[in-house]
Amino acid sequence: MTRPGFLLLTVVACALGTATAAACGCGLDVSLAAAATALAVLAHATGNVLNDLHDARNGADAANTQGIAPFTGGSRLIQTGQATERQTAELAKALLVFLVPAGLWLAVQVGSGQVLLLGAAGLALAWAYSAPPLRLMSRGLGELAVALVWFLVVIGADLVQRQQWFPIPASVALSFSGLVAALLLINGFPDAEADARVGKKTLVVQLGPATASLLYLALVVSTHLWLGLSVMWLIPPAEALWGLVSAPLSLTAATLLWRHRHQPQRLRLALRLSVMAVLVHGLAMTAGFAWLGWNR
């Protein structure tokens, strides 16, 4: 239900933020980095549990027979009788009860109120993504909310080390979070029919497959273009360009999405490539910053 495979996105985002701080000569506190990563992963897991709970309550997962596991359609543990809605709600509450004091502890250890604010904002977005009354995922705002969450994860991991705001992590966070938004967008294709049936107005439902496919292409192109332009404008160092190695993966996924936009069951490879693009993008930039820090 926590979808452990997708938690790797958060691990990579934290590694990227930690690497940007280390590359700038801000040092590396391994224990704080590990604590921040663990809390971010647990927050991500909490968001996934809340998503399963509210998709069960609104009927989206029950109506969805076209999901492509493990990418779309939720965990389906509630639908198959392996867990109840009550148990799912209790799990989400237990995770939240742990996360709040743990986040306070981390903020005290870092000595920065900004860490606490970023963590609170991330949790609020994770809740608002699925839960009423906002239900951002059902209003065509899910991709934006998710992009904001992973933007905060990257700059938060940097902030834990640096203890102040800086433009470089924000620049690479914008690049990373753009691909995360594209991943969520393409994940909406197999679920679109069921989502529409229960009134869940995701971007794919609102725009239709053709326009949503073009939006996916625009997102992945603009994300990689931003990375190149930001280096040209001397925001991050040239080593950040290592992230461009994900471009072929993203463009191949965009091509497959356009080809099969009306056949969502044939999108498994495109979904897999989209996940790989995010991970490769983040890991390559992390390696570039780590290389820079090592050779300072």
Protein backbone atom coordinates (compact mmCIF):
# COMPACT_ATOMS: atom_id res chain seq x y z
CA MET A 1 0.00 0.00 0.00
CA THR A 2 2.94 2.34 0.56
CA ARG A 3 4.16 1.38 -2.97
CA PRO A 4 7.79 0.86 -1.96
CA GLY A 5 9.09 0.86 -5.53
CA PHE A 6 8.00 4.44 -6.05
CA LEU A 7 9.60 5.54 -2.77
CA LEU A 8 12.88 5.45 -4.69
CA LEU A 9 11.85 8.77 -6.25
CA THR A 10 12.06 10.39 -2.84
CA VAL A 11 15.38 8.73 -2.00
CA VAL A 12 16.84 10.12 -5.24
CA ALA A 13 15.36 13.58 -4.60
CA CYS A 14 16.97 13.66 -1.15
CA ALA A 15 20.28 12.46 -2.56
CA LEU A 16 20.16 15.26 -5.12
CA GLY A 17 19.47 17.94 -2.52
CA THR A 18 22.21 16.59 -0.26
CA ALA A 19 24.67 16.56 -3.17
CA THR A 20 23.96 20.18 -4.15
CA ALA A 21 24.83 21.31 -0.63
CA ALA A 22 28.00 19.20 -0.49
CA ALA A 23 29.14 20.45 -3.91
CA CYS A 24 28.85 24.04 -2.71
CA GLY A 25 31.23 23.35 0.17
CA CYS A 26 28.57 23.24 2.88
CA GLY A 27 29.81 19.95 4.22
CA LEU A 28 27.99 16.65 4.60
CA ASP A 29 26.35 15.54 7.81
CA VAL A 30 25.53 11.92 7.01
CA SER A 31 23.29 11.40 10.04
CA LEU A 32 21.15 14.44 9.22
CA ALA A 33 20.97 13.41 5.57
CA ALA A 34 19.83 9.91 6.55
CA ALA A 35 17.23 11.29 8.97
CA ALA A 36 15.85 13.73 6.40
CA THR A 37 15.67 10.98 3.78
CA ALA A 38 13.90 8.58 6.14
CA LEU A 39 11.31 11.18 7.10
CA ALA A 40 10.73 12.21 3.47
CA VAL A 41 10.25 8.55 2.48
CA LEU A 42 7.76 8.02 5.32
CA ALA A 43 5.89 11.17 4.27
CA HIS A 44 5.73 9.83 0.70
CA ALA A 45 4.46 6.48 2.01
CA THR A 46 1.81 8.32 4.03
CA GLY A 47 0.66 10.14 0.91
CA ASN A 48 0.34 6.82 -0.94
CA VAL A 49 -1.73 5.30 1.87
CA LEU A 50 -4.01 8.36 1.92
CA ASN A 51 -4.38 8.07 -1.85
CA ASP A 52 -5.48 4.43 -1.56
CA LEU A 53 -7.93 5.34 1.19
CA HIS A 54 -9.62 8.18 -0.66
CA ASP A 55 -9.65 6.39 -4.02
CA ALA A 56 -11.46 3.57 -2.23
CA ARG A 57 -13.95 5.99 -0.72
CA ASN A 58 -14.68 7.77 -4.00
CA GLY A 59 -14.96 4.49 -5.90
CA ALA A 60 -12.15 5.18 -8.37
CA ASP A 61 -10.09 2.08 -7.60
CA ALA A 62 -13.16 -0.19 -7.47
CA ALA A 63 -14.24 1.05 -10.91
CA ASN A 64 -10.75 0.70 -12.35
CA THR A 65 -10.26 -2.54 -14.25
CA GLN A 66 -7.76 -1.03 -16.71
CA GLY A 67 -4.95 -0.13 -14.31
CA ILE A 68 -1.43 -1.26 -15.13
CA ALA A 69 0.12 -2.60 -11.93
CA PRO A 70 2.30 -1.51 -10.23
CA PHE A 71 2.22 1.85 -12.01
CA THR A 72 -1.45 2.81 -11.82
CA GLY A 73 -4.71 1.84 -10.15
CA GLY A 74 -3.45 1.92 -6.56
CA SER A 75 -2.38 -1.09 -4.53
CA ARG A 76 -5.90 -2.61 -4.68
CA LEU A 77 -5.41 -4.15 -1.22
CA ILE A 78 -8.78 -2.76 -0.15
CA GLN A 79 -10.53 -3.95 -3.32
CA THR A 80 -9.17 -7.49 -2.95
CA GLY A 81 -10.12 -7.70 0.72
CA GLN A 82 -6.56 -7.77 2.08
CA ALA A 83 -7.17 -4.56 4.04
CA THR A 84 -10.19 -2.54 5.11
CA GLU A 85 -10.75 1.18 4.79
CA ARG A 86 -10.57 1.44 8.56
CA GLN A 87 -7.20 -0.32 8.72
CA THR A 88 -5.92 1.93 5.94
CA ALA A 89 -7.07 5.04 7.80
CA GLU A 90 -5.42 3.79 10.98
CA LEU A 91 -2.15 3.19 9.14
CA ALA A 92 -2.21 6.72 7.72
CA LYS A 93 -2.88 8.16 11.19
CA ALA A 94 -0.07 6.12 12.73
CA LEU A 95 2.39 7.38 10.14
CA LEU A 96 1.28 10.98 10.70
CA VAL A 97 1.54 10.61 14.49
CA PHE A 98 5.15 9.52 14.03
CA LEU A 99 6.05 12.06 11.35
CA VAL A 100 5.03 15.22 13.18
CA PRO A 101 7.27 14.87 16.28
CA ALA A 102 10.05 13.37 14.16
CA GLY A 103 9.91 16.42 11.90
CA LEU A 104 10.07 18.70 14.94
CA TRP A 105 13.12 16.78 16.15
CA LEU A 106 14.86 17.19 12.80
CA ALA A 107 14.15 20.93 12.74
CA VAL A 108 15.68 21.26 16.21
CA GLN A 109 18.74 19.25 15.18
CA VAL A 110 19.24 21.42 12.10
CA GLY A 111 18.46 24.61 14.00
CA SER A 112 16.26 25.98 11.22
CA GLY A 113 12.59 26.84 11.33
CA GLN A 114 12.60 26.73 7.52
CA VAL A 115 13.00 22.94 7.65
CA LEU A 116 9.85 22.72 9.76
CA LEU A 117 7.93 24.96 7.35
CA LEU A 118 9.00 22.92 4.33
CA GLY A 119 8.03 19.68 6.02
CA ALA A 120 4.65 21.06 7.05
CA ALA A 121 4.02 22.31 3.51
CA GLY A 122 4.92 18.92 2.05
CA LEU A 123 2.59 17.07 4.41
CA ALA A 124 -0.21 19.55 3.71
CA LEU A 125 0.16 18.98 -0.03
CA ALA A 126 0.24 15.19 0.43
CA TRP A 127 -3.03 15.43 2.38
CA ALA A 128 -4.67 17.93 0.01
CA TYR A 129 -3.76 15.77 -3.01
CA SER A 130 -6.22 13.03 -2.03
CA ALA A 131 -8.39 14.15 0.87
CA PRO A 132 -11.58 16.20 0.77
CA PRO A 133 -12.46 18.99 0.62
CA LEU A 134 -9.56 19.97 -1.67
CA ARG A 135 -8.97 16.64 -3.50
CA LEU A 136 -6.46 18.27 -5.84
CA MET A 137 -5.99 15.02 -7.80
CA SER A 138 -9.66 15.17 -8.78
CA ARG A 139 -9.53 18.77 -10.00
CA GLY A 140 -6.73 18.62 -12.53
CA LEU A 141 -4.27 20.00 -9.97
CA GLY A 142 -2.65 16.72 -8.93
CA GLU A 143 0.36 17.08 -11.22
CA LEU A 144 1.06 20.60 -9.93
CA ALA A 145 0.73 19.48 -6.30
CA VAL A 146 3.06 16.52 -6.82
CA ALA A 147 5.62 18.70 -8.61
CA LEU A 148 5.56 21.11 -5.67
CA VAL A 149 6.07 18.26 -3.19
CA TRP A 150 9.19 16.94 -4.92
CA PHE A 151 10.47 20.47 -5.44
CA LEU A 152 10.25 20.88 -1.65
CA VAL A 153 11.95 17.52 -1.06
CA VAL A 154 15.04 18.50 -3.06
CA ILE A 155 15.43 21.96 -1.56
CA GLY A 156 14.58 20.57 1.89
CA ALA A 157 17.39 18.01 1.71
CA ASP A 158 19.76 20.82 0.69
CA LEU A 159 18.47 23.06 3.47
CA VAL A 160 19.16 20.40 6.11
CA GLN A 161 22.84 20.60 5.17
CA ARG A 162 23.15 24.27 4.13
CA GLN A 163 20.71 25.75 6.68
CA GLN A 164 19.72 28.56 4.33
CA TRP A 165 17.93 29.12 1.03
CA PHE A 166 20.05 28.99 -2.15
CA PRO A 167 19.17 29.22 -5.87
CA ILE A 168 21.15 26.19 -7.11
CA PRO A 169 19.03 23.49 -5.40
CA ALA A 170 15.89 25.36 -6.43
CA SER A 171 17.03 25.30 -10.06
CA VAL A 172 17.72 21.56 -10.17
CA ALA A 173 14.62 20.86 -8.06
CA LEU A 174 12.52 22.54 -10.74
CA SER A 175 14.05 20.23 -13.33
CA PHE A 176 13.52 17.09 -11.25
CA SER A 177 9.97 17.95 -10.19
CA GLY A 178 8.97 18.63 -13.80
CA LEU A 179 9.70 15.02 -14.72
CA VAL A 180 7.81 13.82 -11.64
CA ALA A 181 4.77 15.80 -12.82
CA ALA A 182 5.11 14.23 -16.27
CA LEU A 183 5.23 10.78 -14.65
CA LEU A 184 1.99 11.43 -12.79
CA LEU A 185 0.40 12.71 -15.99
CA ILE A 186 1.20 9.59 -18.01
CA ASN A 187 0.09 7.39 -15.09
CA GLY A 188 -3.35 8.93 -15.50
CA PHE A 189 -3.96 7.44 -18.95
CA PRO A 190 -4.81 3.85 -17.94
CA ASP A 191 -7.01 5.15 -15.09
CA ALA A 192 -8.83 7.83 -17.12
CA GLU A 193 -11.95 5.80 -17.95
CA ALA A 194 -12.57 4.81 -14.33
CA ASP A 195 -11.69 8.30 -13.07
CA ALA A 196 -14.21 9.89 -15.43
CA ARG A 197 -16.88 7.43 -14.33
CA VAL A 198 -16.62 8.55 -10.68
CA GLY A 199 -16.21 12.25 -11.46
CA LYS A 200 -12.47 12.37 -10.80
CA LYS A 201 -11.42 15.12 -13.21
CA THR A 202 -7.73 14.47 -13.70
CA LEU A 203 -5.83 16.29 -16.44
CA VAL A 204 -6.18 13.32 -18.79
CA VAL A 205 -9.94 13.26 -18.21
CA GLN A 206 -10.28 17.02 -18.74
CA LEU A 207 -7.94 17.40 -21.71
CA GLY A 208 -8.49 14.12 -23.51
CA PRO A 209 -5.74 11.73 -24.62
CA ALA A 210 -4.41 13.77 -27.55
CA THR A 211 -3.95 17.06 -25.69
CA ALA A 212 -2.69 15.30 -22.57
CA SER A 213 -0.10 13.46 -24.70
CA LEU A 214 1.12 16.77 -26.12
CA LEU A 215 1.26 18.21 -22.60
CA TYR A 216 3.45 15.27 -21.55
CA LEU A 217 5.82 16.02 -24.43
CA ALA A 218 5.86 19.71 -23.51
CA LEU A 219 6.67 18.87 -19.89
CA VAL A 220 9.61 16.58 -20.62
CA VAL A 221 11.04 18.89 -23.29
CA SER A 222 10.72 22.01 -21.14
CA THR A 223 12.24 20.21 -18.15
CA HIS A 224 15.39 19.28 -20.03
CA LEU A 225 15.47 22.65 -21.78
CA TRP A 226 15.28 24.42 -18.42
CA LEU A 227 18.25 22.42 -17.15
CA GLY A 228 20.34 23.48 -20.15
CA LEU A 229 19.27 27.12 -19.93
CA SER A 230 19.83 27.32 -16.18
CA VAL A 231 23.42 26.12 -16.63
CA MET A 232 23.88 28.64 -19.44
CA TRP A 233 22.60 31.34 -17.06
CA LEU A 234 25.17 30.16 -14.48
CA ILE A 235 22.66 29.08 -11.85
CA PRO A 236 23.86 25.48 -11.35
CA PRO A 237 27.36 24.38 -12.43
CA ALA A 238 27.99 22.58 -15.71
CA GLU A 239 28.05 19.22 -13.91
CA ALA A 240 24.26 19.49 -13.56
CA LEU A 241 24.08 18.84 -17.31
CA TRP A 242 24.69 15.19 -16.57
CA GLY A 243 20.94 15.14 -15.98
CA LEU A 244 20.33 15.46 -19.70
CA VAL A 245 21.09 11.74 -20.12
CA SER A 246 17.43 11.14 -19.26
CA ALA A 247 16.21 12.99 -22.37
CA PRO A 248 16.19 9.93 -24.68
CA LEU A 249 14.13 7.99 -22.14
CA SER A 250 11.60 10.79 -21.82
CA LEU A 251 11.32 11.37 -25.55
CA THR A 252 10.89 7.66 -26.23
CA ALA A 253 8.11 7.55 -23.63
CA ALA A 254 6.49 10.59 -25.24
CA THR A 255 6.60 8.89 -28.64
CA LEU A 256 5.03 5.71 -27.28
CA LEU A 257 2.40 7.71 -25.44
CA TRP A 258 1.35 9.51 -28.62
CA ARG A 259 1.27 6.26 -30.56
CA HIS A 260 -0.86 4.46 -27.97
CA ARG A 261 -2.77 7.43 -26.54
CA HIS A 262 -6.08 5.69 -27.33
CA GLN A 263 -4.80 2.26 -26.21
CA PRO A 264 -3.73 2.79 -22.57
CA GLN A 265 -3.21 -0.94 -22.01
CA ARG A 266 -0.22 -0.74 -24.36
CA LEU A 267 1.52 1.92 -22.29
CA ARG A 268 3.44 -0.36 -19.90
CA LEU A 269 6.79 0.33 -21.60
CA ALA A 270 6.10 4.08 -21.71
CA LEU A 271 5.25 4.04 -17.99
CA ARG A 272 8.42 2.13 -17.19
CA LEU A 273 10.51 4.56 -19.26
CA SER A 274 8.91 7.52 -17.48
CA VAL A 275 9.89 6.14 -14.10
CA MET A 276 13.40 5.41 -15.35
CA ALA A 277 13.69 8.94 -16.75
CA VAL A 278 12.99 10.52 -13.37
CA LEU A 279 15.42 8.23 -11.56
CA VAL A 280 18.18 8.62 -14.16
CA HIS A 281 17.68 12.39 -14.28
CA GLY A 282 18.02 12.73 -10.52
CA LEU A 283 20.84 10.23 -10.12
CA ALA A 284 22.87 11.72 -12.97
CA MET A 285 22.64 15.22 -11.49
CA THR A 286 23.48 13.79 -8.07
CA ALA A 287 26.57 12.14 -9.53
CA GLY A 288 27.57 15.38 -11.23
CA PHE A 289 27.32 17.38 -8.01
CA ALA A 290 29.07 14.62 -6.05
CA TRP A 291 31.91 14.67 -8.58
CA LEU A 292 32.18 18.43 -8.22
CA GLY A 293 32.21 18.23 -4.43
CA TRP A 294 34.81 15.46 -4.44
CA ASN A 295 37.17 17.51 -6.61
CA ARG A 296 36.77 20.83 -4.83
